[in-house]
Amino acid sequence: MSDLNDPRVFFAAERTLLAWNRTSLALMAFGFVIERFGLFVQIIMPQALSAGEKVFSFWVGIAFVLLGAYISYAATRQYYVVLKTLKPIEMPDGYRTGNGVFTNLMVSFLGIALAVYLFMAHQ
C-alpha cells in the first residue's frame, strides 16, 4: 500500500500501462513485418528462400504478434494489482480508470485475431 497520498502515483501507474501498450503494439507490428517479409521475398525472388526459411519467418512473426498480445494482457493485470494498493486520496475524483484497461484489452484481443488471421492465411 502506498503512503505517498499523491495522485501522481496513480498517473505513474497509468503511464506505465500505456508504455506497455506501445511496446505490445510495436512487437505486434514487428511480428507482422517479419511474417510478411518471407512472402515479400518469395514474390520478388522466388528462389531466394528455402521452404525452411519461409516457415521460420512465419513462426517467428506469429511469435512476436502473440508476445505483443500477451504483454498487453499482462500489463492490464499488473495495472489492476497496482490500483488495488492505492488509497482513495491517490485516485483523482471522477477519473475513469477503465480507458487504458479497455485499450490494452482490445489490443490484446486484436493481436490474437491478427495471429489467427495470419495462421489461416498461411494455410
N, C-alpha and C. Protein backbone atom coordinates (compact mmCIF):
# COMPACT_ATOMS: atom_id res chain seq x y z
N MET A 1 0.85 -1.17 0.00
CA MET A 1 0.00 0.00 0.00
C MET A 1 0.89 1.24 0.00
N SER A 2 0.54 2.19 -0.83
CA SER A 2 1.32 3.41 -0.95
C SER A 2 1.07 4.34 0.24
N ASP A 3 2.11 5.05 0.65
CA ASP A 3 1.99 6.02 1.74
C ASP A 3 2.22 7.45 1.25
N LEU A 4 2.20 7.66 -0.03
CA LEU A 4 2.52 8.98 -0.57
C LEU A 4 1.33 9.93 -0.56
N ASN A 5 0.12 9.40 -0.61
CA ASN A 5 -1.09 10.21 -0.63
C ASN A 5 -1.04 11.27 -1.74
N ASP A 6 -0.58 10.87 -2.89
CA ASP A 6 -0.39 11.79 -4.00
C ASP A 6 -0.94 11.15 -5.28
N PRO A 7 -1.80 11.86 -6.02
CA PRO A 7 -2.35 11.29 -7.26
C PRO A 7 -1.29 11.00 -8.32
N ARG A 8 -0.10 11.55 -8.16
CA ARG A 8 0.95 11.27 -9.14
C ARG A 8 1.33 9.79 -9.17
N VAL A 9 1.10 9.10 -8.07
CA VAL A 9 1.37 7.66 -8.03
C VAL A 9 0.44 6.95 -9.02
N PHE A 10 -0.83 7.33 -8.99
CA PHE A 10 -1.80 6.74 -9.92
C PHE A 10 -1.41 7.05 -11.36
N PHE A 11 -1.08 8.32 -11.63
CA PHE A 11 -0.74 8.70 -13.00
C PHE A 11 0.53 8.02 -13.49
N ALA A 12 1.46 7.75 -12.58
CA ALA A 12 2.66 7.00 -12.96
C ALA A 12 2.29 5.57 -13.36
N ALA A 13 1.37 4.98 -12.62
CA ALA A 13 0.92 3.62 -12.97
C ALA A 13 0.23 3.62 -14.33
N GLU A 14 -0.56 4.65 -14.58
CA GLU A 14 -1.25 4.72 -15.86
C GLU A 14 -0.27 4.95 -17.02
N ARG A 15 0.74 5.78 -16.81
CA ARG A 15 1.77 5.98 -17.84
C ARG A 15 2.50 4.67 -18.12
N THR A 16 2.76 3.90 -17.08
CA THR A 16 3.42 2.62 -17.26
C THR A 16 2.55 1.67 -18.07
N LEU A 17 1.25 1.65 -17.77
CA LEU A 17 0.33 0.82 -18.55
C LEU A 17 0.37 1.21 -20.02
N LEU A 18 0.33 2.49 -20.30
CA LEU A 18 0.32 2.94 -21.68
C LEU A 18 1.67 2.72 -22.37
N ALA A 19 2.75 2.76 -21.60
CA ALA A 19 4.06 2.44 -22.18
C ALA A 19 4.11 0.97 -22.60
N TRP A 20 3.55 0.09 -21.76
CA TRP A 20 3.48 -1.32 -22.14
C TRP A 20 2.57 -1.51 -23.35
N ASN A 21 1.53 -0.69 -23.45
CA ASN A 21 0.65 -0.75 -24.62
C ASN A 21 1.46 -0.45 -25.88
N ARG A 22 2.25 0.60 -25.85
CA ARG A 22 3.08 0.95 -27.02
C ARG A 22 4.07 -0.16 -27.34
N THR A 23 4.65 -0.76 -26.30
CA THR A 23 5.59 -1.85 -26.52
C THR A 23 4.90 -3.04 -27.18
N SER A 24 3.70 -3.36 -26.71
CA SER A 24 2.99 -4.51 -27.30
C SER A 24 2.61 -4.22 -28.75
N LEU A 25 2.20 -3.00 -29.04
CA LEU A 25 1.88 -2.65 -30.43
C LEU A 25 3.10 -2.74 -31.33
N ALA A 26 4.24 -2.30 -30.82
CA ALA A 26 5.47 -2.37 -31.61
C ALA A 26 5.87 -3.83 -31.87
N LEU A 27 5.75 -4.68 -30.87
CA LEU A 27 6.06 -6.09 -31.06
C LEU A 27 5.14 -6.74 -32.09
N MET A 28 3.86 -6.40 -32.02
CA MET A 28 2.92 -6.98 -32.99
C MET A 28 3.22 -6.49 -34.39
N ALA A 29 3.52 -5.21 -34.54
CA ALA A 29 3.85 -4.67 -35.86
C ALA A 29 5.12 -5.32 -36.40
N PHE A 30 6.11 -5.48 -35.54
CA PHE A 30 7.36 -6.13 -35.94
C PHE A 30 7.10 -7.57 -36.37
N GLY A 31 6.26 -8.27 -35.61
CA GLY A 31 5.91 -9.64 -35.97
C GLY A 31 5.20 -9.73 -37.31
N PHE A 32 4.29 -8.79 -37.56
CA PHE A 32 3.59 -8.76 -38.84
C PHE A 32 4.57 -8.55 -39.98
N VAL A 33 5.51 -7.63 -39.79
CA VAL A 33 6.51 -7.36 -40.84
C VAL A 33 7.37 -8.59 -41.08
N ILE A 34 7.82 -9.24 -40.02
CA ILE A 34 8.63 -10.45 -40.19
C ILE A 34 7.85 -11.53 -40.92
N GLU A 35 6.60 -11.72 -40.53
CA GLU A 35 5.78 -12.76 -41.17
C GLU A 35 5.58 -12.46 -42.64
N ARG A 36 5.31 -11.22 -42.97
CA ARG A 36 5.04 -10.85 -44.36
C ARG A 36 6.31 -10.69 -45.18
N PHE A 37 7.45 -10.51 -44.53
CA PHE A 37 8.70 -10.35 -45.27
C PHE A 37 9.03 -11.61 -46.05
N GLY A 38 8.77 -12.76 -45.47
CA GLY A 38 9.01 -14.01 -46.20
C GLY A 38 8.17 -14.09 -47.45
N LEU A 39 6.92 -13.66 -47.36
CA LEU A 39 6.05 -13.62 -48.54
C LEU A 39 6.56 -12.63 -49.57
N PHE A 40 7.02 -11.47 -49.11
CA PHE A 40 7.55 -10.44 -50.00
C PHE A 40 8.77 -10.95 -50.77
N VAL A 41 9.69 -11.57 -50.06
CA VAL A 41 10.89 -12.09 -50.72
C VAL A 41 10.52 -13.19 -51.70
N GLN A 42 9.55 -14.02 -51.35
CA GLN A 42 9.11 -15.08 -52.25
C GLN A 42 8.55 -14.51 -53.54
N ILE A 43 7.82 -13.41 -53.46
CA ILE A 43 7.25 -12.78 -54.66
C ILE A 43 8.34 -12.13 -55.51
N ILE A 44 9.26 -11.42 -54.88
CA ILE A 44 10.32 -10.71 -55.60
C ILE A 44 11.34 -11.67 -56.18
N MET A 45 11.81 -12.61 -55.35
CA MET A 45 12.83 -13.57 -55.78
C MET A 45 12.39 -14.97 -55.36
N PRO A 46 11.64 -15.66 -56.20
CA PRO A 46 11.06 -16.96 -55.81
C PRO A 46 12.08 -18.01 -55.34
N GLN A 47 13.30 -17.94 -55.83
CA GLN A 47 14.29 -18.95 -55.47
C GLN A 47 15.16 -18.53 -54.28
N ALA A 48 14.93 -17.33 -53.72
CA ALA A 48 15.82 -16.80 -52.69
C ALA A 48 15.68 -17.53 -51.35
N LEU A 49 14.47 -17.92 -50.99
CA LEU A 49 14.24 -18.56 -49.69
C LEU A 49 13.92 -20.03 -49.85
N SER A 50 14.50 -20.82 -48.97
CA SER A 50 14.13 -22.23 -48.95
C SER A 50 12.80 -22.38 -48.21
N ALA A 51 12.22 -23.55 -48.30
CA ALA A 51 10.95 -23.80 -47.60
C ALA A 51 11.11 -23.63 -46.10
N GLY A 52 12.25 -24.05 -45.56
CA GLY A 52 12.50 -23.92 -44.13
C GLY A 52 12.59 -22.47 -43.70
N GLU A 53 13.20 -21.64 -44.53
CA GLU A 53 13.31 -20.21 -44.20
C GLU A 53 11.94 -19.53 -44.23
N LYS A 54 11.08 -19.93 -45.14
CA LYS A 54 9.73 -19.36 -45.20
C LYS A 54 8.95 -19.73 -43.95
N VAL A 55 9.07 -20.99 -43.54
CA VAL A 55 8.38 -21.45 -42.34
C VAL A 55 8.94 -20.75 -41.11
N PHE A 56 10.25 -20.57 -41.06
CA PHE A 56 10.88 -19.89 -39.93
C PHE A 56 10.37 -18.45 -39.83
N SER A 57 10.33 -17.74 -40.94
CA SER A 57 9.83 -16.37 -40.96
C SER A 57 8.39 -16.31 -40.47
N PHE A 58 7.58 -17.26 -40.91
CA PHE A 58 6.18 -17.31 -40.49
C PHE A 58 6.05 -17.48 -38.99
N TRP A 59 6.74 -18.47 -38.42
CA TRP A 59 6.58 -18.76 -36.99
C TRP A 59 7.20 -17.69 -36.10
N VAL A 60 8.30 -17.11 -36.53
CA VAL A 60 8.89 -16.02 -35.74
C VAL A 60 7.94 -14.82 -35.73
N GLY A 61 7.35 -14.51 -36.88
CA GLY A 61 6.39 -13.41 -36.95
C GLY A 61 5.18 -13.65 -36.06
N ILE A 62 4.63 -14.86 -36.11
CA ILE A 62 3.49 -15.21 -35.26
C ILE A 62 3.87 -15.12 -33.78
N ALA A 63 5.07 -15.55 -33.45
CA ALA A 63 5.53 -15.50 -32.05
C ALA A 63 5.60 -14.05 -31.56
N PHE A 64 6.09 -13.14 -32.39
CA PHE A 64 6.14 -11.73 -31.98
C PHE A 64 4.74 -11.15 -31.80
N VAL A 65 3.83 -11.50 -32.68
CA VAL A 65 2.45 -11.00 -32.56
C VAL A 65 1.83 -11.51 -31.27
N LEU A 66 1.99 -12.78 -30.99
CA LEU A 66 1.42 -13.36 -29.76
C LEU A 66 2.11 -12.82 -28.51
N LEU A 67 3.41 -12.57 -28.59
CA LEU A 67 4.12 -11.97 -27.46
C LEU A 67 3.56 -10.58 -27.17
N GLY A 68 3.33 -9.80 -28.21
CA GLY A 68 2.74 -8.48 -28.03
C GLY A 68 1.36 -8.55 -27.41
N ALA A 69 0.55 -9.50 -27.85
CA ALA A 69 -0.79 -9.67 -27.28
C ALA A 69 -0.71 -10.07 -25.81
N TYR A 70 0.21 -10.95 -25.48
CA TYR A 70 0.36 -11.36 -24.09
C TYR A 70 0.83 -10.20 -23.21
N ILE A 71 1.78 -9.43 -23.70
CA ILE A 71 2.29 -8.30 -22.91
C ILE A 71 1.18 -7.29 -22.65
N SER A 72 0.34 -7.06 -23.62
CA SER A 72 -0.78 -6.13 -23.43
C SER A 72 -1.71 -6.63 -22.33
N TYR A 73 -2.01 -7.91 -22.35
CA TYR A 73 -2.87 -8.51 -21.33
C TYR A 73 -2.20 -8.48 -19.95
N ALA A 74 -0.93 -8.87 -19.90
CA ALA A 74 -0.21 -8.92 -18.63
C ALA A 74 -0.07 -7.53 -18.02
N ALA A 75 0.12 -6.51 -18.84
CA ALA A 75 0.22 -5.15 -18.34
C ALA A 75 -1.09 -4.71 -17.71
N THR A 76 -2.20 -5.13 -18.28
CA THR A 76 -3.51 -4.80 -17.72
C THR A 76 -3.68 -5.44 -16.35
N ARG A 77 -3.30 -6.69 -16.24
CA ARG A 77 -3.41 -7.37 -14.94
C ARG A 77 -2.52 -6.69 -13.90
N GLN A 78 -1.31 -6.32 -14.29
CA GLN A 78 -0.39 -5.66 -13.37
C GLN A 78 -0.94 -4.30 -12.94
N TYR A 79 -1.57 -3.59 -13.85
CA TYR A 79 -2.18 -2.29 -13.55
C TYR A 79 -3.27 -2.44 -12.49
N TYR A 80 -4.08 -3.48 -12.62
CA TYR A 80 -5.10 -3.75 -11.60
C TYR A 80 -4.49 -4.03 -10.23
N VAL A 81 -3.38 -4.75 -10.22
CA VAL A 81 -2.70 -5.02 -8.95
C VAL A 81 -2.26 -3.71 -8.30
N VAL A 82 -1.71 -2.81 -9.09
CA VAL A 82 -1.27 -1.51 -8.56
C VAL A 82 -2.47 -0.69 -8.08
N LEU A 83 -3.55 -0.69 -8.86
CA LEU A 83 -4.73 0.09 -8.46
C LEU A 83 -5.27 -0.36 -7.11
N LYS A 84 -5.21 -1.64 -6.83
CA LYS A 84 -5.71 -2.17 -5.55
C LYS A 84 -4.90 -1.67 -4.36
N THR A 85 -3.65 -1.27 -4.59
CA THR A 85 -2.80 -0.81 -3.49
C THR A 85 -2.97 0.67 -3.20
N LEU A 86 -3.64 1.40 -4.08
CA LEU A 86 -3.76 2.84 -3.91
C LEU A 86 -4.90 3.20 -2.96
N LYS A 87 -4.70 4.27 -2.22
CA LYS A 87 -5.73 4.80 -1.34
C LYS A 87 -6.66 5.70 -2.14
N PRO A 88 -7.87 5.93 -1.65
CA PRO A 88 -8.80 6.81 -2.36
C PRO A 88 -8.25 8.22 -2.60
N ILE A 89 -7.41 8.71 -1.70
CA ILE A 89 -6.86 10.05 -1.88
C ILE A 89 -5.89 10.11 -3.06
N GLU A 90 -5.34 8.96 -3.42
CA GLU A 90 -4.40 8.90 -4.55
C GLU A 90 -5.10 8.75 -5.89
N MET A 91 -6.40 8.58 -5.86
CA MET A 91 -7.19 8.45 -7.09
C MET A 91 -7.94 9.77 -7.31
N PRO A 92 -7.74 10.42 -8.44
CA PRO A 92 -8.45 11.67 -8.70
C PRO A 92 -9.97 11.44 -8.74
N ASP A 93 -10.72 12.36 -8.15
CA ASP A 93 -12.18 12.24 -8.13
C ASP A 93 -12.74 12.26 -9.55
N GLY A 94 -13.60 11.30 -9.83
CA GLY A 94 -14.27 11.24 -11.12
C GLY A 94 -13.42 10.79 -12.29
N TYR A 95 -12.19 10.40 -12.04
CA TYR A 95 -11.31 9.96 -13.12
C TYR A 95 -11.63 8.53 -13.48
N ARG A 96 -11.79 8.27 -14.76
CA ARG A 96 -12.11 6.92 -15.22
C ARG A 96 -10.83 6.12 -15.43
N THR A 97 -10.73 5.02 -14.75
CA THR A 97 -9.55 4.18 -14.87
C THR A 97 -9.70 3.13 -15.97
N GLY A 98 -10.87 3.02 -16.53
CA GLY A 98 -11.13 1.95 -17.48
C GLY A 98 -10.67 2.21 -18.90
N ASN A 99 -10.33 3.44 -19.26
CA ASN A 99 -9.96 3.72 -20.64
C ASN A 99 -8.68 3.01 -21.06
N GLY A 100 -7.66 3.10 -20.23
CA GLY A 100 -6.40 2.42 -20.54
C GLY A 100 -6.56 0.91 -20.52
N VAL A 101 -7.37 0.43 -19.59
CA VAL A 101 -7.63 -1.01 -19.49
C VAL A 101 -8.33 -1.50 -20.75
N PHE A 102 -9.37 -0.78 -21.17
CA PHE A 102 -10.11 -1.16 -22.37
C PHE A 102 -9.18 -1.17 -23.59
N THR A 103 -8.36 -0.14 -23.70
CA THR A 103 -7.44 -0.06 -24.84
C THR A 103 -6.49 -1.25 -24.85
N ASN A 104 -5.90 -1.56 -23.71
CA ASN A 104 -4.95 -2.67 -23.66
C ASN A 104 -5.63 -4.01 -23.95
N LEU A 105 -6.81 -4.21 -23.41
CA LEU A 105 -7.50 -5.48 -23.66
C LEU A 105 -7.90 -5.61 -25.13
N MET A 106 -8.29 -4.50 -25.74
CA MET A 106 -8.63 -4.54 -27.18
C MET A 106 -7.38 -4.84 -28.01
N VAL A 107 -6.26 -4.23 -27.66
CA VAL A 107 -5.01 -4.51 -28.37
C VAL A 107 -4.66 -5.98 -28.22
N SER A 108 -4.83 -6.53 -27.04
CA SER A 108 -4.54 -7.94 -26.82
C SER A 108 -5.46 -8.83 -27.67
N PHE A 109 -6.75 -8.52 -27.65
CA PHE A 109 -7.71 -9.29 -28.44
C PHE A 109 -7.40 -9.19 -29.94
N LEU A 110 -7.13 -7.99 -30.40
CA LEU A 110 -6.85 -7.80 -31.83
C LEU A 110 -5.53 -8.45 -32.23
N GLY A 111 -4.58 -8.50 -31.31
CA GLY A 111 -3.33 -9.21 -31.60
C GLY A 111 -3.56 -10.70 -31.79
N ILE A 112 -4.40 -11.26 -30.94
CA ILE A 112 -4.74 -12.68 -31.11
C ILE A 112 -5.49 -12.89 -32.42
N ALA A 113 -6.40 -11.98 -32.74
CA ALA A 113 -7.13 -12.07 -34.01
C ALA A 113 -6.18 -11.98 -35.20
N LEU A 114 -5.18 -11.11 -35.11
CA LEU A 114 -4.18 -10.99 -36.18
C LEU A 114 -3.39 -12.28 -36.32
N ALA A 115 -2.99 -12.88 -35.21
CA ALA A 115 -2.25 -14.14 -35.27
C ALA A 115 -3.09 -15.24 -35.91
N VAL A 116 -4.37 -15.29 -35.56
CA VAL A 116 -5.26 -16.29 -36.16
C VAL A 116 -5.41 -16.03 -37.66
N TYR A 117 -5.58 -14.77 -38.03
CA TYR A 117 -5.69 -14.42 -39.46
C TYR A 117 -4.44 -14.84 -40.21
N LEU A 118 -3.27 -14.51 -39.68
CA LEU A 118 -2.03 -14.86 -40.36
C LEU A 118 -1.88 -16.37 -40.48
N PHE A 119 -2.27 -17.07 -39.43
CA PHE A 119 -2.19 -18.53 -39.47
C PHE A 119 -3.14 -19.10 -40.52
N MET A 120 -4.37 -18.58 -40.55
CA MET A 120 -5.35 -19.07 -41.54
C MET A 120 -4.94 -18.70 -42.96
N ALA A 121 -4.36 -17.52 -43.15
CA ALA A 121 -3.93 -17.10 -44.48
C ALA A 121 -2.73 -17.92 -44.96
N HIS A 122 -1.97 -18.44 -44.03
CA HIS A 122 -0.78 -19.23 -44.38
C HIS A 122 -1.15 -20.61 -44.88
N GLN A 123 -2.29 -21.11 -44.47
CA GLN A 123 -2.71 -22.47 -44.84
C GLN A 123 -3.00 -22.60 -46.30
